[in-house]
Protein backbone atom coordinates (compact mmCIF):
# COMPACT_ATOMS: atom_id res chain seq x y z
CA UNK A 1 -222.93 -33.67 -129.27
CA UNK A 2 -224.23 -34.26 -132.75
CA UNK A 3 -222.66 -32.06 -135.45
CA UNK A 4 -224.28 -31.38 -138.79
CA UNK A 5 -223.44 -33.74 -141.63
CA UNK A 6 -222.10 -31.80 -144.61
CA UNK A 7 -223.81 -33.29 -147.65
CA UNK A 8 -223.87 -32.95 -151.43
CA UNK A 9 -226.61 -33.91 -153.89
CA UNK A 10 -225.55 -35.29 -157.27
CA UNK A 11 -228.16 -36.08 -159.93
CA UNK A 12 -228.57 -35.17 -163.60
CA UNK A 13 -232.36 -34.78 -163.23
CA UNK A 14 -233.46 -31.30 -162.01
CA UNK A 15 -236.64 -32.58 -160.34
CA UNK A 16 -234.71 -35.30 -158.51
CA UNK A 17 -232.20 -32.73 -157.24
CA UNK A 18 -235.02 -30.47 -156.08
CA UNK A 19 -236.84 -33.30 -154.28
CA UNK A 20 -233.77 -34.43 -152.35
CA UNK A 21 -232.90 -30.82 -151.54
CA UNK A 22 -236.34 -30.33 -149.97
CA UNK A 23 -235.82 -33.45 -147.86
CA UNK A 24 -232.34 -32.30 -146.76
CA UNK A 25 -233.66 -28.90 -145.72
CA UNK A 26 -236.23 -30.55 -143.42
CA UNK A 27 -233.55 -32.27 -141.32
CA UNK A 28 -231.59 -30.27 -138.75
CA UNK A 29 -228.66 -32.68 -138.72
CA UNK A 30 -227.88 -32.10 -142.42
CA UNK A 31 -226.05 -29.15 -143.94
CA UNK A 32 -226.26 -28.86 -147.74
CA UNK A 33 -222.87 -27.78 -149.08
CA UNK A 34 -223.33 -28.42 -152.78
CA UNK A 35 -225.56 -29.57 -155.64
CA UNK A 36 -223.97 -31.23 -158.67
CA UNK A 37 -225.49 -32.09 -162.05
CA UNK A 38 -223.16 -34.99 -162.77
CA UNK A 39 -220.28 -37.06 -161.42
CA UNK A 40 -217.65 -34.81 -162.99
CA UNK A 41 -218.98 -31.79 -161.06
CA UNK A 42 -218.99 -33.87 -157.90
CA UNK A 43 -215.42 -35.01 -158.46
CA UNK A 44 -214.33 -31.37 -158.73
CA UNK A 45 -216.31 -30.33 -155.66
CA UNK A 46 -214.78 -33.10 -153.54
CA UNK A 47 -211.36 -31.63 -154.26
CA UNK A 48 -212.45 -28.18 -153.12
CA UNK A 49 -214.72 -28.70 -150.08
CA UNK A 50 -214.95 -31.03 -147.09
CA UNK A 51 -217.91 -33.38 -147.61
CA UNK A 52 -219.23 -36.00 -145.20
CA UNK A 53 -222.07 -37.54 -147.20
CA UNK A 54 -223.09 -37.70 -150.87
CA UNK A 55 -226.58 -38.46 -152.20
CA UNK A 56 -225.48 -40.00 -155.49
CA UNK A 57 -227.40 -40.96 -158.62
CA UNK A 58 -225.89 -43.76 -160.72
CA UNK A 59 -226.83 -43.38 -164.39
CA UNK A 60 -225.47 -39.97 -165.45
CA UNK A 61 -223.80 -38.69 -168.65
CA UNK A 62 -220.08 -39.29 -169.26
CA UNK A 63 -219.29 -40.84 -165.87
CA UNK A 64 -221.62 -42.99 -163.77
CA UNK A 65 -221.89 -42.67 -160.01
CA UNK A 66 -220.55 -46.22 -159.63
CA UNK A 67 -217.50 -45.51 -161.79
CA UNK A 68 -216.75 -42.36 -159.81
CA UNK A 69 -217.01 -44.26 -156.52
CA UNK A 70 -214.60 -46.92 -157.74
CA UNK A 71 -211.97 -44.28 -158.46
CA UNK A 72 -212.27 -42.20 -155.28
CA UNK A 73 -209.65 -42.33 -152.53
CA UNK A 74 -210.89 -41.55 -149.00
CA UNK A 75 -214.41 -41.17 -150.33
CA UNK A 76 -217.14 -39.64 -148.16
CA UNK A 77 -220.03 -41.80 -147.09
CA UNK A 78 -222.58 -42.36 -149.85
CA UNK A 79 -226.32 -42.92 -150.10
CA UNK A 80 -227.26 -44.11 -153.59
CA UNK A 81 -230.40 -42.53 -155.10
CA UNK A 82 -231.48 -44.26 -158.32
CA UNK A 83 -234.40 -45.55 -160.33
CA UNK A 84 -232.54 -48.79 -161.08
CA UNK A 85 -232.49 -51.73 -158.68
CA UNK A 86 -229.89 -53.66 -160.68
CA UNK A 87 -226.95 -51.75 -159.17
CA UNK A 88 -227.79 -52.59 -155.56
CA UNK A 89 -225.22 -55.37 -155.15
CA UNK A 90 -222.46 -53.28 -156.73
CA UNK A 91 -223.36 -50.38 -154.48
CA UNK A 92 -223.09 -52.43 -151.32
CA UNK A 93 -219.81 -53.93 -152.49
CA UNK A 94 -218.55 -50.33 -152.53
CA UNK A 95 -219.71 -49.96 -148.90
CA UNK A 96 -222.43 -47.38 -149.46
CA UNK A 97 -224.56 -46.46 -146.42
CA UNK A 98 -227.87 -47.14 -148.13
CA UNK A 99 -229.53 -47.66 -151.51
CA UNK A 100 -232.68 -45.63 -152.21
CA UNK A 101 -234.96 -46.42 -155.14
CA UNK A 102 -236.84 -43.55 -156.77
CA UNK A 103 -239.43 -42.29 -156.10
CA UNK A 104 -238.04 -41.82 -152.59
CA UNK A 105 -240.43 -41.24 -149.70
CA UNK A 106 -239.42 -38.88 -146.92
CA UNK A 107 -239.78 -41.70 -144.38
CA UNK A 108 -237.31 -43.87 -146.31
CA UNK A 109 -234.97 -40.90 -146.75
CA UNK A 110 -234.90 -40.26 -142.99
CA UNK A 111 -234.16 -43.92 -142.34
CA UNK A 112 -231.15 -43.75 -144.68
CA UNK A 113 -229.85 -40.56 -143.06
CA UNK A 114 -230.19 -42.13 -139.61
CA UNK A 115 -228.20 -45.11 -140.83
CA UNK A 116 -225.45 -42.78 -142.07
CA UNK A 117 -225.53 -40.91 -138.76
CA UNK A 118 -224.96 -44.16 -136.87
CA UNK A 119 -221.98 -44.90 -139.11
CA UNK A 120 -220.47 -41.50 -138.27
CA UNK A 121 -221.09 -42.17 -134.57
CA UNK A 122 -219.31 -45.51 -134.68
CA UNK A 123 -216.35 -43.99 -136.54
CA UNK A 124 -216.00 -41.07 -134.17
CA UNK A 125 -216.30 -43.17 -131.04
CA UNK A 126 -213.90 -45.88 -132.18
CA UNK A 127 -210.78 -46.08 -130.04
CA UNK A 128 -211.52 -42.93 -128.03
CA UNK A 129 -213.12 -43.02 -124.59
CA UNK A 130 -211.77 -39.90 -122.84
CA UNK A 131 -210.20 -36.46 -123.20
CA UNK A 132 -208.05 -34.08 -121.15
CA UNK A 133 -208.97 -30.64 -119.80
CA UNK A 134 -207.34 -28.05 -117.56
CA UNK A 135 -209.06 -27.56 -114.19
CA UNK A 136 -207.71 -26.01 -110.96
CA UNK A 137 -204.19 -25.61 -112.40
CA UNK A 138 -204.02 -29.31 -113.27
CA UNK A 139 -204.65 -31.42 -116.37
CA UNK A 140 -207.56 -33.74 -115.75
CA UNK A 141 -208.57 -36.84 -117.70
CA UNK A 142 -212.35 -37.13 -118.17
CA UNK A 143 -214.02 -40.31 -119.43
CA UNK A 144 -216.99 -39.79 -121.74
CA UNK A 145 -219.09 -42.45 -120.01
CA UNK A 146 -218.68 -40.67 -116.65
CA UNK A 147 -220.12 -37.37 -117.87
CA UNK A 148 -223.74 -36.86 -116.88
CA UNK A 149 -224.16 -33.45 -118.49
CA UNK A 150 -222.26 -30.25 -119.24
CA UNK A 151 -223.50 -26.83 -118.14
CA UNK A 152 -222.44 -23.40 -119.46
CA UNK A 153 -221.57 -20.69 -116.91
CA UNK A 154 -220.40 -17.44 -118.54
CA UNK A 155 -216.82 -18.13 -119.77
CA UNK A 156 -216.66 -21.52 -118.07
CA UNK A 157 -218.35 -24.88 -118.33
CA UNK A 158 -219.23 -27.23 -115.50
CA UNK A 159 -218.77 -30.93 -116.26
CA UNK A 160 -221.13 -32.86 -114.01
CA UNK A 161 -219.83 -36.28 -112.99
CA UNK A 162 -221.36 -38.69 -110.45
CA UNK A 163 -220.84 -36.94 -107.10
CA UNK A 164 -218.46 -34.33 -108.54
CA UNK A 165 -218.34 -31.14 -110.63
CA UNK A 166 -215.32 -30.18 -112.73
CA UNK A 167 -215.02 -26.54 -113.84
CA UNK A 168 -212.90 -25.53 -116.82
CA UNK A 169 -212.39 -22.34 -118.83
CA UNK A 170 -214.21 -23.03 -122.11
CA UNK A 171 -217.45 -22.48 -124.00
CA UNK A 172 -220.27 -24.94 -124.48
CA UNK A 173 -219.62 -24.89 -128.22
CA UNK A 174 -215.94 -25.77 -127.80
CA UNK A 175 -216.81 -28.50 -125.32
CA UNK A 176 -219.33 -29.92 -127.76
CA UNK A 177 -216.58 -30.29 -130.37
CA UNK A 178 -214.76 -32.66 -128.01
CA UNK A 179 -217.75 -34.86 -127.28
CA UNK A 180 -218.90 -37.86 -129.36
CA UNK A 181 -222.42 -38.04 -130.84
CA UNK A 182 -223.91 -39.77 -127.78
CA UNK A 183 -224.01 -36.22 -126.36
CA UNK A 184 -226.87 -33.93 -127.34
CA UNK A 185 -227.29 -30.19 -126.86
CA UNK A 186 -230.78 -29.77 -125.42
CA UNK A 187 -230.62 -26.11 -124.36
CA UNK A 188 -228.37 -23.12 -125.01
CA UNK A 189 -226.74 -23.86 -121.65
CA UNK A 190 -226.78 -27.67 -121.50
CA UNK A 191 -225.33 -30.70 -123.28
CA UNK A 192 -226.44 -34.08 -121.93
CA UNK A 193 -225.17 -37.63 -122.19
CA UNK A 194 -228.15 -39.49 -123.65
CA UNK A 195 -227.09 -42.71 -121.93
CA UNK A 196 -227.69 -41.18 -118.48
CA UNK A 197 -231.22 -39.87 -119.11
CA UNK A 198 -233.58 -41.99 -117.03
CA UNK A 199 -236.83 -40.03 -117.33
CA UNK A 200 -238.52 -37.35 -119.44
CA UNK A 201 -241.17 -35.22 -117.75
CA UNK A 202 -242.68 -32.45 -119.85
CA UNK A 203 -239.77 -30.29 -121.03
CA UNK A 204 -237.39 -31.65 -118.38
CA UNK A 205 -234.86 -34.46 -118.66
CA UNK A 206 -234.00 -36.33 -115.48
CA UNK A 207 -230.36 -37.28 -114.97
CA UNK A 208 -229.65 -38.65 -111.48
CA UNK A 209 -230.93 -35.90 -109.14
CA UNK A 210 -230.78 -33.12 -111.73
CA UNK A 211 -233.54 -31.79 -113.98
CA UNK A 212 -232.27 -30.42 -117.30
CA UNK A 213 -234.54 -28.10 -119.31
CA UNK A 214 -235.09 -28.63 -123.03
CA UNK A 215 -234.97 -25.36 -124.94
CA UNK A 216 -237.93 -24.32 -127.04
CA UNK A 217 -235.88 -24.08 -130.24
CA UNK A 218 -234.26 -27.48 -129.62
CA UNK A 219 -237.40 -29.30 -128.50
CA UNK A 220 -238.45 -30.98 -131.78
CA UNK A 221 -234.94 -32.13 -132.67
CA UNK A 222 -234.18 -33.31 -129.13
CA UNK A 223 -237.28 -35.47 -128.78
CA UNK A 224 -236.94 -36.85 -132.31
CA UNK A 225 -233.34 -37.82 -131.50
CA UNK A 226 -234.21 -39.38 -128.14
CA UNK A 227 -237.21 -41.31 -129.41
CA UNK A 228 -235.29 -42.61 -132.45
CA UNK A 229 -232.84 -44.25 -130.04
CA UNK A 230 -235.56 -46.34 -128.40
């Protein structure tokens, strides 16, 4: 299940901050946790709040974005936002996710965010292919790739596997925290494994012999996510 990316905007230009903020607020997978006017403010914020992604300008008073990046330990992922192309090589040497030249179109912004999202997916999935749950008084190992979809049922969830259902005492939200980003919540009662969807018909997703409804409030995000994978 895809969790929101906690992001921070850092730019000394008010109009640039406003423009990026408007773009962030259009995307459901981003959560804006701070806006900084310079690198010094960002440095302080990073010590106080968990941050996943920074939209970072380069040329700012006192301390440049590049200089801040060079001094950070365990830095969050970064998307550079600048009017200057000359720093591109330096930015990529610092392993930034993407390098956006101002003025930034929304289409290009979305592409950069998707690239960052893929990086989070690869990090989260690395080295982990299963988890353990309690079911029928036993501890059961469940492999992610075996899960077709997860269904909420009052205070329980049903994990649907090929030819089998595993019931455990949990909530859909808690189960979603265990699952990597290949899983997508498509309805208030369903999380699906995108890799097992073989057909989309109207508002229904086909997974083996099951038809999973897509909720009205999730519809736009779900279909954008599924189509972006193609």
